[in-house]
Amino acid sequence: MSRAGDVLLEPVRRHLHLHALVPVTVHESTLREQAVALGAVRHSLDVAEERMQETPQG
């Protein structure tokens, strides 16, 4: 999405303007390609935390 910029963001902005209950501002990320790696790390940490909180079956 980072390469598409406003081509993709503008329709998202219009949709959110019509449907969001509160005003929403959408910006292009400054992370660019790094966002994918950071998102994967965040997701892994979330999954690990969920698994640690699960009660053992026994």
PDB file of N, CA and C in Angstrom:
ATOM      1  N   MET A   1       0.825  -1.187   0.000  1.00  0.00           N
ATOM      2  CA  MET A   1       0.000   0.000   0.000  1.00  0.00           C
ATOM      3  C   MET A   1       0.872   1.253   0.000  1.00  0.00           C
ATOM      4  N   SER A   2       2.066   1.166   0.562  1.00  0.00           N
ATOM      5  CA  SER A   2       2.889   2.364   0.673  1.00  0.00           C
ATOM      6  C   SER A   2       3.237   2.949  -0.686  1.00  0.00           C
ATOM      7  N   ARG A   3       3.327   2.120  -1.712  1.00  0.00           N
ATOM      8  CA  ARG A   3       3.668   2.616  -3.039  1.00  0.00           C
ATOM      9  C   ARG A   3       2.467   3.240  -3.744  1.00  0.00           C
ATOM     10  N   ALA A   4       1.285   2.875  -3.331  1.00  0.00           N
ATOM     11  CA  ALA A   4       0.080   3.376  -3.999  1.00  0.00           C
ATOM     12  C   ALA A   4      -0.351   4.730  -3.469  1.00  0.00           C
ATOM     13  N   GLY A   5       0.034   5.041  -2.240  1.00  0.00           N
ATOM     14  CA  GLY A   5      -0.265   6.351  -1.658  1.00  0.00           C
ATOM     15  C   GLY A   5      -1.721   6.746  -1.749  1.00  0.00           C
ATOM     16  N   ASP A   6      -1.968   7.952  -2.249  1.00  0.00           N
ATOM     17  CA  ASP A   6      -3.320   8.511  -2.284  1.00  0.00           C
ATOM     18  C   ASP A   6      -4.266   7.760  -3.209  1.00  0.00           C
ATOM     19  N   VAL A   7      -3.736   6.987  -4.146  1.00  0.00           N
ATOM     20  CA  VAL A   7      -4.618   6.220  -5.031  1.00  0.00           C
ATOM     21  C   VAL A   7      -5.491   5.285  -4.200  1.00  0.00           C
ATOM     22  N   LEU A   8      -4.928   4.681  -3.162  1.00  0.00           N
ATOM     23  CA  LEU A   8      -5.697   3.808  -2.287  1.00  0.00           C
ATOM     24  C   LEU A   8      -6.242   4.541  -1.069  1.00  0.00           C
ATOM     25  N   LEU A   9      -5.498   5.498  -0.578  1.00  0.00           N
ATOM     26  CA  LEU A   9      -5.912   6.164   0.654  1.00  0.00           C
ATOM     27  C   LEU A   9      -7.134   7.057   0.478  1.00  0.00           C
ATOM     28  N   GLU A  10      -7.262   7.701  -0.645  1.00  0.00           N
ATOM     29  CA  GLU A  10      -8.386   8.627  -0.821  1.00  0.00           C
ATOM     30  C   GLU A  10      -9.738   7.918  -0.753  1.00  0.00           C
ATOM     31  N   PRO A  11      -9.937   6.778  -1.398  1.00  0.00           N
ATOM     32  CA  PRO A  11     -11.216   6.076  -1.226  1.00  0.00           C
ATOM     33  C   PRO A  11     -11.449   5.624   0.222  1.00  0.00           C
ATOM     34  N   VAL A  12     -10.390   5.239   0.911  1.00  0.00           N
ATOM     35  CA  VAL A  12     -10.521   4.851   2.321  1.00  0.00           C
ATOM     36  C   VAL A  12     -10.957   6.058   3.143  1.00  0.00           C
ATOM     37  N   ARG A  13     -10.344   7.195   2.892  1.00  0.00           N
ATOM     38  CA  ARG A  13     -10.728   8.424   3.606  1.00  0.00           C
ATOM     39  C   ARG A  13     -12.198   8.766   3.369  1.00  0.00           C
ATOM     40  N   ARG A  14     -12.637   8.679   2.115  1.00  0.00           N
ATOM     41  CA  ARG A  14     -14.043   8.988   1.800  1.00  0.00           C
ATOM     42  C   ARG A  14     -14.981   8.027   2.516  1.00  0.00           C
ATOM     43  N   HIS A  15     -14.657   6.744   2.495  1.00  0.00           N
ATOM     44  CA  HIS A  15     -15.491   5.738   3.150  1.00  0.00           C
ATOM     45  C   HIS A  15     -15.579   6.013   4.651  1.00  0.00           C
ATOM     46  N   LEU A  16     -14.432   6.261   5.282  1.00  0.00           N
ATOM     47  CA  LEU A  16     -14.432   6.519   6.720  1.00  0.00           C
ATOM     48  C   LEU A  16     -15.178   7.801   7.057  1.00  0.00           C
ATOM     49  N   HIS A  17     -15.061   8.804   6.208  1.00  0.00           N
ATOM     50  CA  HIS A  17     -15.776  10.061   6.443  1.00  0.00           C
ATOM     51  C   HIS A  17     -17.284   9.818   6.478  1.00  0.00           C
ATOM     52  N   LEU A  18     -17.754   8.917   5.614  1.00  0.00           N
ATOM     53  CA  LEU A  18     -19.191   8.636   5.552  1.00  0.00           C
ATOM     54  C   LEU A  18     -19.674   7.712   6.673  1.00  0.00           C
ATOM     55  N   HIS A  19     -18.812   6.813   7.145  1.00  0.00           N
ATOM     56  CA  HIS A  19     -19.280   5.747   8.028  1.00  0.00           C
ATOM     57  C   HIS A  19     -18.738   5.781   9.457  1.00  0.00           C
ATOM     58  N   ALA A  20     -17.662   6.500   9.703  1.00  0.00           N
ATOM     59  CA  ALA A  20     -17.088   6.525  11.053  1.00  0.00           C
ATOM     60  C   ALA A  20     -17.943   7.387  11.976  1.00  0.00           C
ATOM     61  N   LEU A  21     -18.035   6.968  13.226  1.00  0.00           N
ATOM     62  CA  LEU A  21     -18.818   7.725  14.198  1.00  0.00           C
ATOM     63  C   LEU A  21     -18.097   8.976  14.667  1.00  0.00           C
ATOM     64  N   VAL A  22     -16.782   8.958  14.575  1.00  0.00           N
ATOM     65  CA  VAL A  22     -15.972  10.111  14.947  1.00  0.00           C
ATOM     66  C   VAL A  22     -15.032  10.430  13.781  1.00  0.00           C
ATOM     67  N   PRO A  23     -14.582  11.665  13.658  1.00  0.00           N
ATOM     68  CA  PRO A  23     -13.660  12.000  12.563  1.00  0.00           C
ATOM     69  C   PRO A  23     -12.379  11.159  12.648  1.00  0.00           C
ATOM     70  N   VAL A  24     -11.950  10.651  11.506  1.00  0.00           N
ATOM     71  CA  VAL A  24     -10.757   9.805  11.430  1.00  0.00           C
ATOM     72  C   VAL A  24      -9.797  10.415  10.423  1.00  0.00           C
ATOM     73  N   THR A  25      -8.534  10.485  10.798  1.00  0.00           N
ATOM     74  CA  THR A  25      -7.500  10.966   9.894  1.00  0.00           C
ATOM     75  C   THR A  25      -6.652   9.781   9.448  1.00  0.00           C
ATOM     76  N   VAL A  26      -6.454   9.670   8.145  1.00  0.00           N
ATOM     77  CA  VAL A  26      -5.671   8.567   7.587  1.00  0.00           C
ATOM     78  C   VAL A  26      -4.450   9.156   6.910  1.00  0.00           C
ATOM     79  N   HIS A  27      -3.277   8.650   7.286  1.00  0.00           N
ATOM     80  CA  HIS A  27      -2.014   9.104   6.704  1.00  0.00           C
ATOM     81  C   HIS A  27      -1.254   7.917   6.152  1.00  0.00           C
ATOM     82  N   GLU A  28      -0.432   8.184   5.169  1.00  0.00           N
ATOM     83  CA  GLU A  28       0.470   7.165   4.660  1.00  0.00           C
ATOM     84  C   GLU A  28       1.568   6.932   5.690  1.00  0.00           C
ATOM     85  N   SER A  29       1.916   5.690   5.911  1.00  0.00           N
ATOM     86  CA  SER A  29       2.935   5.354   6.891  1.00  0.00           C
ATOM     87  C   SER A  29       4.312   5.817   6.437  1.00  0.00           C
ATOM     88  N   THR A  30       5.084   6.295   7.375  1.00  0.00           N
ATOM     89  CA  THR A  30       6.475   6.638   7.076  1.00  0.00           C
ATOM     90  C   THR A  30       7.378   5.417   7.182  1.00  0.00           C
ATOM     91  N   LEU A  31       6.837   4.310   7.669  1.00  0.00           N
ATOM     92  CA  LEU A  31       7.633   3.089   7.813  1.00  0.00           C
ATOM     93  C   LEU A  31       7.852   2.377   6.484  1.00  0.00           C
ATOM     94  N   ARG A  32       6.954   2.581   5.563  1.00  0.00           N
ATOM     95  CA  ARG A  32       7.023   1.937   4.251  1.00  0.00           C
ATOM     96  C   ARG A  32       7.182   0.425   4.373  1.00  0.00           C
ATOM     97  N   GLU A  33       8.199  -0.170   3.757  1.00  0.00           N
ATOM     98  CA  GLU A  33       8.360  -1.624   3.747  1.00  0.00           C
ATOM     99  C   GLU A  33       8.635  -2.199   5.136  1.00  0.00           C
ATOM    100  N   GLN A  34       9.173  -1.398   6.045  1.00  0.00           N
ATOM    101  CA  GLN A  34       9.451  -1.872   7.403  1.00  0.00           C
ATOM    102  C   GLN A  34       8.161  -2.201   8.154  1.00  0.00           C
ATOM    103  N   ALA A  35       7.061  -1.622   7.731  1.00  0.00           N
ATOM    104  CA  ALA A  35       5.793  -1.852   8.419  1.00  0.00           C
ATOM    105  C   ALA A  35       5.394  -3.319   8.376  1.00  0.00           C
ATOM    106  N   VAL A  36       5.703  -4.003   7.286  1.00  0.00           N
ATOM    107  CA  VAL A  36       5.356  -5.417   7.174  1.00  0.00           C
ATOM    108  C   VAL A  36       6.104  -6.221   8.226  1.00  0.00           C
ATOM    109  N   ALA A  37       7.395  -5.989   8.355  1.00  0.00           N
ATOM    110  CA  ALA A  37       8.195  -6.720   9.341  1.00  0.00           C
ATOM    111  C   ALA A  37       7.741  -6.392  10.756  1.00  0.00           C
ATOM    112  N   LEU A  38       7.487  -5.133  11.035  1.00  0.00           N
ATOM    113  CA  LEU A  38       7.044  -4.741  12.375  1.00  0.00           C
ATOM    114  C   LEU A  38       5.663  -5.304  12.686  1.00  0.00           C
ATOM    115  N   GLY A  39       4.806  -5.351  11.699  1.00  0.00           N
ATOM    116  CA  GLY A  39       3.481  -5.943  11.895  1.00  0.00           C
ATOM    117  C   GLY A  39       3.569  -7.435  12.186  1.00  0.00           C
ATOM    118  N   ALA A  40       4.487  -8.118  11.513  1.00  0.00           N
ATOM    119  CA  ALA A  40       4.669  -9.550  11.750  1.00  0.00           C
ATOM    120  C   ALA A  40       5.193  -9.805  13.155  1.00  0.00           C
ATOM    121  N   VAL A  41       6.124  -8.985  13.601  1.00  0.00           N
ATOM    122  CA  VAL A  41       6.658  -9.125  14.959  1.00  0.00           C
ATOM    123  C   VAL A  41       5.557  -8.867  15.977  1.00  0.00           C
ATOM    124  N   ARG A  42       4.759  -7.815  15.771  1.00  0.00           N
ATOM    125  CA  ARG A  42       3.672  -7.489  16.694  1.00  0.00           C
ATOM    126  C   ARG A  42       2.666  -8.629  16.764  1.00  0.00           C
ATOM    127  N   HIS A  43       2.331  -9.188  15.617  1.00  0.00           N
ATOM    128  CA  HIS A  43       1.378 -10.300  15.577  1.00  0.00           C
ATOM    129  C   HIS A  43       1.948 -11.500  16.336  1.00  0.00           C
ATOM    130  N   SER A  44       3.215 -11.799  16.142  1.00  0.00           N
ATOM    131  CA  SER A  44       3.846 -12.922  16.848  1.00  0.00           C
ATOM    132  C   SER A  44       3.809 -12.717  18.354  1.00  0.00           C
ATOM    133  N   LEU A  45       4.082 -11.502  18.791  1.00  0.00           N
ATOM    134  CA  LEU A  45       4.036 -11.207  20.225  1.00  0.00           C
ATOM    135  C   LEU A  45       2.614 -11.339  20.764  1.00  0.00           C
ATOM    136  N   ASP A  46       1.628 -10.902  20.001  1.00  0.00           N
ATOM    137  CA  ASP A  46       0.230 -11.040  20.429  1.00  0.00           C
ATOM    138  C   ASP A  46      -0.154 -12.508  20.580  1.00  0.00           C
ATOM    139  N   VAL A  47       0.230 -13.332  19.608  1.00  0.00           N
ATOM    140  CA  VAL A  47      -0.088 -14.759  19.667  1.00  0.00           C
ATOM    141  C   VAL A  47       0.607 -15.407  20.852  1.00  0.00           C
ATOM    142  N   ALA A  48       1.874 -15.078  21.077  1.00  0.00           N
ATOM    143  CA  ALA A  48       2.612 -15.641  22.209  1.00  0.00           C
ATOM    144  C   ALA A  48       1.948 -15.261  23.529  1.00  0.00           C
ATOM    145  N   GLU A  49       1.518 -14.011  23.649  1.00  0.00           N
ATOM    146  CA  GLU A  49       0.854 -13.566  24.876  1.00  0.00           C
ATOM    147  C   GLU A  49      -0.461 -14.314  25.092  1.00  0.00           C
ATOM    148  N   GLU A  50      -1.239 -14.491  24.023  1.00  0.00           N
ATOM    149  CA  GLU A  50      -2.496 -15.240  24.141  1.00  0.00           C
ATOM    150  C   GLU A  50      -2.236 -16.672  24.598  1.00  0.00           C
ATOM    151  N   ARG A  51      -1.221 -17.305  24.034  1.00  0.00           N
ATOM    152  CA  ARG A  51      -0.923 -18.686  24.404  1.00  0.00           C
ATOM    153  C   ARG A  51      -0.456 -18.809  25.839  1.00  0.00           C
ATOM    154  N   MET A  52       0.259 -17.814  26.321  1.00  0.00           N
ATOM    155  CA  MET A  52       0.729 -17.842  27.707  1.00  0.00           C
ATOM    156  C   MET A  52      -0.428 -17.691  28.687  1.00  0.00           C
ATOM    157  N   GLN A  53      -1.504 -17.032  28.275  1.00  0.00           N
ATOM    158  CA  GLN A  53      -2.647 -16.791  29.148  1.00  0.00           C
ATOM    159  C   GLN A  53      -3.665 -17.920  29.110  1.00  0.00           C
ATOM    160  N   GLU A  54      -3.517 -18.838  28.168  1.00  0.00           N
ATOM    161  CA  GLU A  54      -4.448 -19.959  28.079  1.00  0.00           C
ATOM    162  C   GLU A  54      -4.264 -20.886  29.270  1.00  0.00           C
ATOM    163  N   THR A  55      -5.371 -21.437  29.761  1.00  0.00           N
ATOM    164  CA  THR A  55      -5.287 -22.403  30.854  1.00  0.00           C
ATOM    165  C   THR A  55      -5.005 -23.780  30.257  1.00  0.00           C
ATOM    166  N   PRO A  56      -4.106 -24.540  30.871  1.00  0.00           N
ATOM    167  CA  PRO A  56      -3.792 -25.873  30.364  1.00  0.00           C
ATOM    168  C   PRO A  56      -4.990 -26.802  30.440  1.00  0.00           C
ATOM    169  N   GLN A  57      -5.158 -27.606  29.429  1.00  0.00           N
ATOM    170  CA  GLN A  57      -6.231 -28.597  29.406  1.00  0.00           C
ATOM    171  C   GLN A  57      -5.742 -29.826  30.160  1.00  0.00           C
ATOM    172  N   GLY A  58      -6.498 -30.311  31.097  1.00  0.00           N
ATOM    173  CA  GLY A  58      -5.996 -31.465  31.818  1.00  0.00           C
ATOM    174  C   GLY A  58      -6.985 -32.028  32.682  1.00  0.00           C
TER     175      GLY A  58
END
